[in-house]
Amino acid sequence: MDQQRRLVTLEYIKNYTIQNKKNLESSGDEFRRSLEAITADPAHTREYLLRISMIASLRRAEELG
């Protein structure tokens, strides 16, 4: 299980590092619009919060065994 958690953590960090870099390089308006789109839909907001808090990563670790 430790190996699965490590893999999921590395996936998470890689994906969010790339996304954060894109956010920093984009105009502030682009990033603001993306956040507004997320908050406009409660289901999307929940999914986003589960993902950024790494709670969703627990499901991913279970998928890997």
Protein backbone atom coordinates (compact mmCIF):
# COMPACT_ATOMS: atom_id res chain seq x y z
CA MET A 1 0.00 0.00 0.00
CA ASP A 2 2.88 2.37 0.72
CA GLN A 3 4.11 2.07 -2.86
CA GLN A 4 0.64 2.92 -4.20
CA ARG A 5 0.40 5.99 -1.98
CA ARG A 6 3.84 7.11 -3.09
CA LEU A 7 2.90 6.74 -6.76
CA VAL A 8 -0.36 8.64 -6.29
CA THR A 9 1.43 11.41 -4.39
CA LEU A 10 4.02 11.77 -7.15
CA GLU A 11 1.25 11.88 -9.79
CA TYR A 12 -0.56 14.55 -7.79
CA ILE A 13 2.52 16.70 -7.26
CA LYS A 14 3.55 16.45 -10.91
CA ASN A 15 0.09 17.36 -12.21
CA TYR A 16 -0.39 20.28 -9.84
CA THR A 17 3.12 21.60 -10.36
CA ILE A 18 2.43 21.75 -14.09
CA GLN A 19 -0.99 23.35 -13.52
CA ASN A 20 0.39 25.92 -11.07
CA LYS A 21 3.10 26.88 -13.56
CA LYS A 22 0.46 27.35 -16.26
CA ASN A 23 -1.62 29.47 -13.87
CA LEU A 24 1.38 31.67 -13.07
CA GLU A 25 2.22 32.11 -16.75
CA SER A 26 -1.37 32.89 -17.78
CA SER A 27 -3.07 36.20 -17.41
CA GLY A 28 -4.85 36.74 -14.11
CA ASP A 29 -8.12 36.87 -16.02
CA GLU A 30 -7.70 33.34 -17.37
CA PHE A 31 -7.10 31.89 -13.93
CA ARG A 32 -9.96 33.88 -12.41
CA ARG A 33 -12.34 32.68 -15.15
CA SER A 34 -11.32 29.07 -14.57
CA LEU A 35 -12.04 29.42 -10.84
CA GLU A 36 -15.36 31.11 -11.58
CA ALA A 37 -16.32 28.19 -13.84
CA ILE A 38 -15.44 25.74 -11.07
CA THR A 39 -17.49 27.58 -8.45
CA ALA A 40 -20.48 28.00 -10.77
CA ASP A 41 -21.31 24.30 -10.49
CA PRO A 42 -21.59 22.71 -7.03
CA ALA A 43 -20.63 19.24 -8.32
CA HIS A 44 -17.56 20.65 -10.07
CA THR A 45 -16.66 22.59 -6.92
CA ARG A 46 -16.86 19.43 -4.83
CA GLU A 47 -14.73 17.48 -7.31
CA TYR A 48 -12.15 20.29 -7.37
CA LEU A 49 -11.95 20.48 -3.58
CA LEU A 50 -11.61 16.70 -3.23
CA ARG A 51 -8.81 16.76 -5.80
CA ILE A 52 -6.79 19.67 -4.38
CA SER A 53 -7.11 18.37 -0.83
CA MET A 54 -5.80 14.98 -2.03
CA ILE A 55 -8.87 13.21 -0.63
CA ALA A 56 -9.59 11.93 -4.13
CA SER A 57 -6.10 10.43 -4.19
CA LEU A 58 -7.24 7.82 -1.68
CA ARG A 59 -9.56 6.41 -4.34
CA ARG A 60 -6.71 6.42 -6.83
CA ALA A 61 -4.48 4.50 -4.41
CA GLU A 62 -7.24 1.90 -3.98
CA GLU A 63 -7.47 1.51 -7.77
CA LEU A 64 -3.78 0.67 -7.88
CA GLY A 65 -4.23 -2.06 -5.34
